[in-house]
Amino acid sequence: MREAFENHLKSLEKDLVEMSEMVISAIEKSVDALKNGDVEHAKIIKKDDYYINKKRWDIEEKCINLIATQQPVAVHLRELIAILNIITDLERMGDYAEGIAKIVLKINGDPLIKPLIDIPRMQEISIEMIRESLIAFSARDEQAARLVNAKDDSVDELYHQVTRELISIMIENPRTITQCTHLMWASHNLERIADRVTNICERIIFLVTGEMVENIKN
């Protein structure tokens, strides 16, 4: 029975990685659509959020069934609870990607006030964090989780830089206020994605140590 349970856990981890790649794809595509003013692509991203949500519910149902039928011991129960929490954070990241797609629809193909530099960089770091956090989870690597968490500071710095720059542009030219506001929302969504990864890192540390921590410091 233990071997069968371990196989179920491995299958769940595979599902988790698949969901994370769906979310990463949505983030990449949404920022690409923002850079290129691609309204049609944004509509597809918005529609495809359904599949991320469905994946989350499928994984959750599997976890609940395992808890109900297998009565896992404490360490395995922590693993299942960790997965339930991680898929919640991943689903919210998908919502943030969808939010960026909605911003593309609001901008509606208008030329951007400036080329996007820092927002794509925020996207790159956030995606690195997602992938590395899932690797840390699979390896049950507390230190790796802490290192991933530290990257959130870089995303925060870029977010503040974007905000300062857009405020300066609005002050100089009030006609840009609407689009600048939309771009601020987009950068905020990326900042929130990175914050969600820090939740995953906290959950990994709990899984490994049994201790729930907040505001992780290396």
Protein backbone atom coordinates (compact mmCIF):
# COMPACT_ATOMS: atom_id res chain seq x y z
CA MET A 1 0.00 0.00 0.00
CA ARG A 2 2.85 2.38 0.79
CA GLU A 3 4.31 1.84 -2.70
CA ALA A 4 0.95 2.63 -4.29
CA PHE A 5 0.68 5.81 -2.21
CA GLU A 6 4.18 6.89 -3.25
CA ASN A 7 3.19 6.37 -6.87
CA HIS A 8 0.14 8.57 -6.36
CA LEU A 9 2.37 11.29 -4.89
CA LYS A 10 4.75 11.09 -7.86
CA SER A 11 1.78 11.42 -10.21
CA LEU A 12 0.57 14.48 -8.29
CA GLU A 13 4.01 16.08 -8.50
CA LYS A 14 3.97 15.50 -12.27
CA ASP A 15 0.56 17.19 -12.44
CA LEU A 16 1.96 20.06 -10.38
CA VAL A 17 4.82 20.59 -12.82
CA GLU A 18 2.39 20.48 -15.76
CA MET A 19 0.22 23.12 -14.11
CA SER A 20 3.24 25.32 -13.41
CA GLU A 21 4.24 25.15 -17.09
CA MET A 22 0.70 26.14 -18.10
CA VAL A 23 0.97 29.16 -15.81
CA ILE A 24 4.44 30.05 -17.09
CA SER A 25 3.18 29.90 -20.67
CA ALA A 26 0.28 32.22 -19.78
CA ILE A 27 2.66 34.72 -18.16
CA GLU A 28 5.05 34.68 -21.12
CA LYS A 29 2.26 35.05 -23.66
CA SER A 30 0.53 37.84 -21.74
CA VAL A 31 3.68 39.97 -21.53
CA ASP A 32 4.45 39.28 -25.19
CA ALA A 33 0.93 40.41 -26.07
CA LEU A 34 1.48 43.55 -23.99
CA LYS A 35 4.77 44.35 -25.73
CA ASN A 36 3.29 43.77 -29.17
CA GLY A 37 -0.19 45.19 -28.62
CA ASP A 38 -1.59 41.83 -29.72
CA VAL A 39 -5.28 42.04 -28.90
CA GLU A 40 -6.24 38.75 -30.56
CA HIS A 41 -3.56 36.88 -28.66
CA ALA A 42 -4.75 38.49 -25.43
CA LYS A 43 -8.27 37.16 -26.07
CA ILE A 44 -6.88 33.62 -26.38
CA ILE A 45 -4.89 33.97 -23.14
CA LYS A 46 -8.00 35.17 -21.33
CA LYS A 47 -10.00 32.22 -22.63
CA ASP A 48 -7.27 29.67 -21.83
CA ASP A 49 -7.30 30.57 -18.14
CA TYR A 50 -10.15 28.05 -17.92
CA TYR A 51 -7.66 25.20 -18.47
CA ILE A 52 -5.42 26.37 -15.64
CA ASN A 53 -8.42 26.50 -13.33
CA LYS A 54 -9.52 23.04 -14.44
CA LYS A 55 -6.04 21.63 -13.79
CA ARG A 56 -6.13 23.09 -10.29
CA TRP A 57 -9.48 21.45 -9.51
CA ASP A 58 -8.36 18.10 -10.96
CA ILE A 59 -5.26 18.07 -8.72
CA GLU A 60 -7.28 19.16 -5.70
CA GLU A 61 -9.78 16.34 -6.24
CA LYS A 62 -6.94 13.80 -6.41
CA CYS A 63 -5.44 15.13 -3.17
CA ILE A 64 -8.76 15.00 -1.34
CA ASN A 65 -9.41 11.47 -2.55
CA LEU A 66 -5.99 10.36 -1.30
CA ILE A 67 -6.58 11.95 2.11
CA ALA A 68 -10.03 10.34 2.35
CA THR A 69 -9.05 6.86 1.19
CA GLN A 70 -5.44 6.40 2.28
CA GLN A 71 -5.39 8.15 5.69
CA PRO A 72 -1.81 9.38 5.17
CA VAL A 73 0.62 9.68 8.07
CA ALA A 74 1.81 13.11 9.17
CA VAL A 75 4.69 13.55 6.73
CA HIS A 76 2.58 12.49 3.74
CA LEU A 77 -0.32 14.59 4.92
CA ARG A 78 2.01 17.60 4.96
CA GLU A 79 2.98 16.82 1.36
CA LEU A 80 -0.64 16.72 0.24
CA ILE A 81 -1.46 19.92 2.10
CA ALA A 82 1.60 21.54 0.52
CA ILE A 83 0.38 20.54 -2.94
CA LEU A 84 -3.10 21.92 -2.19
CA ASN A 85 -1.57 25.24 -1.17
CA ILE A 86 0.82 25.37 -4.14
CA ILE A 87 -1.92 24.80 -6.71
CA THR A 88 -3.91 27.63 -5.13
CA ASP A 89 -0.94 29.97 -5.59
CA LEU A 90 -0.37 28.75 -9.15
CA GLU A 91 -4.02 29.30 -10.02
CA ARG A 92 -3.80 32.87 -8.74
CA MET A 93 -0.67 33.42 -10.84
CA GLY A 94 -2.74 32.32 -13.83
CA ASP A 95 -5.32 34.92 -12.85
CA TYR A 96 -2.62 37.59 -12.80
CA ALA A 97 -1.51 36.55 -16.30
CA GLU A 98 -5.13 36.77 -17.41
CA GLY A 99 -5.24 40.22 -15.81
CA ILE A 100 -2.33 41.34 -17.99
CA ALA A 101 -4.20 40.02 -21.04
CA LYS A 102 -7.22 42.11 -20.00
CA ILE A 103 -4.93 45.15 -19.80
CA VAL A 104 -3.84 44.47 -23.38
CA LEU A 105 -7.52 44.57 -24.35
CA LYS A 106 -7.95 47.89 -22.54
CA ILE A 107 -4.95 49.41 -24.35
CA ASN A 108 -6.57 48.05 -27.51
CA GLY A 109 -3.59 48.19 -29.85
CA ASP A 110 -2.63 51.81 -29.12
CA PRO A 111 1.13 52.44 -29.48
CA LEU A 112 2.94 52.09 -26.17
CA ILE A 113 4.27 55.30 -24.65
CA LYS A 114 7.73 53.68 -24.45
CA PRO A 115 9.40 50.33 -25.18
CA LEU A 116 8.93 47.89 -22.32
CA ILE A 117 12.21 46.94 -20.62
CA ASP A 118 11.65 46.43 -16.91
CA ILE A 119 8.26 44.69 -17.21
CA PRO A 120 9.70 41.89 -19.38
CA ARG A 121 12.57 41.59 -16.91
CA MET A 122 10.06 41.20 -14.09
CA GLN A 123 8.44 38.45 -16.13
CA GLU A 124 11.75 36.65 -16.65
CA ILE A 125 12.67 36.67 -12.96
CA SER A 126 9.18 35.60 -11.90
CA ILE A 127 9.27 32.64 -14.28
CA GLU A 128 12.72 31.66 -13.01
CA MET A 129 11.30 31.75 -9.50
CA ILE A 130 8.35 29.52 -10.40
CA ARG A 131 10.53 26.89 -12.06
CA GLU A 132 13.16 26.92 -9.32
CA SER A 133 10.53 26.72 -6.57
CA LEU A 134 9.04 23.58 -8.15
CA ILE A 135 12.53 22.05 -8.36
CA ALA A 136 13.06 22.89 -4.68
CA PHE A 137 9.72 21.29 -3.84
CA SER A 138 10.55 18.11 -5.73
CA ALA A 139 13.95 17.90 -4.03
CA ARG A 140 12.53 18.90 -0.63
CA ASP A 141 15.36 21.44 -0.56
CA GLU A 142 14.87 24.07 2.14
CA GLN A 143 17.96 26.09 1.21
CA ALA A 144 17.00 26.20 -2.46
CA ALA A 145 13.57 27.51 -1.44
CA ARG A 146 15.23 30.29 0.55
CA LEU A 147 17.41 31.23 -2.44
CA VAL A 148 14.37 31.40 -4.70
CA ASN A 149 12.57 33.55 -2.18
CA ALA A 150 15.46 36.06 -2.15
CA LYS A 151 14.83 36.83 -5.83
CA ASP A 152 11.56 38.50 -4.87
CA ASP A 153 13.59 41.56 -3.84
CA SER A 154 14.74 42.02 -7.45
CA VAL A 155 11.16 41.91 -8.70
CA ASP A 156 10.11 44.43 -6.05
CA GLU A 157 12.93 46.79 -7.08
CA LEU A 158 11.90 46.61 -10.73
CA TYR A 159 8.27 47.20 -9.78
CA HIS A 160 9.17 50.36 -7.86
CA GLN A 161 11.36 51.49 -10.74
CA VAL A 162 8.51 51.00 -13.23
CA THR A 163 6.14 52.90 -10.95
CA ARG A 164 8.52 55.83 -10.52
CA GLU A 165 9.16 56.06 -14.25
CA LEU A 166 5.47 55.93 -15.18
CA ILE A 167 4.59 58.57 -12.59
CA SER A 168 7.25 60.86 -14.09
CA ILE A 169 5.81 60.31 -17.57
CA MET A 170 2.29 61.12 -16.33
CA ILE A 171 3.47 64.33 -14.69
CA GLU A 172 5.21 65.43 -17.87
CA ASN A 173 2.29 64.50 -20.12
CA PRO A 174 -1.15 64.05 -18.49
CA ARG A 175 -2.49 62.56 -21.73
CA THR A 176 -0.55 59.41 -20.93
CA ILE A 177 -2.29 58.84 -17.60
CA THR A 178 -4.66 56.12 -18.81
CA GLN A 179 -2.01 53.98 -20.48
CA CYS A 180 0.51 54.56 -17.70
CA THR A 181 -2.09 53.36 -15.21
CA HIS A 182 -2.66 50.23 -17.26
CA LEU A 183 1.09 49.54 -17.37
CA MET A 184 1.28 50.02 -13.60
CA TRP A 185 -1.42 47.39 -13.22
CA ALA A 186 0.54 45.01 -15.43
CA SER A 187 3.73 45.48 -13.39
CA HIS A 188 1.74 45.06 -10.18
CA ASN A 189 0.39 41.74 -11.44
CA LEU A 190 3.94 40.53 -12.07
CA GLU A 191 5.00 41.70 -8.61
CA ARG A 192 2.11 39.71 -7.15
CA ILE A 193 3.16 36.63 -9.12
CA ALA A 194 6.58 36.78 -7.46
CA ASP A 195 4.89 37.20 -4.08
CA ARG A 196 2.90 34.04 -4.74
CA VAL A 197 6.15 32.17 -5.36
CA THR A 198 7.35 33.25 -1.92
CA ASN A 199 4.24 31.55 -0.53
CA ILE A 200 5.37 28.35 -2.25
CA CYS A 201 8.83 28.73 -0.73
CA GLU A 202 7.33 29.10 2.72
CA ARG A 203 5.30 25.96 2.12
CA ILE A 204 8.43 24.03 1.09
CA ILE A 205 10.19 25.04 4.28
CA PHE A 206 7.16 23.90 6.27
CA LEU A 207 7.19 20.58 4.41
CA VAL A 208 10.87 19.99 5.17
CA THR A 209 11.07 21.37 8.71
CA GLY A 210 7.52 21.26 10.03
CA GLU A 211 7.86 24.96 10.85
CA MET A 212 5.68 27.60 9.21
CA VAL A 213 7.69 30.75 8.54
CA GLU A 214 6.90 34.14 7.02
CA ASN A 215 9.17 36.82 5.56
CA ILE A 216 11.92 34.29 4.89
CA LYS A 217 15.45 35.57 5.38
CA ASN A 218 18.57 33.74 4.23
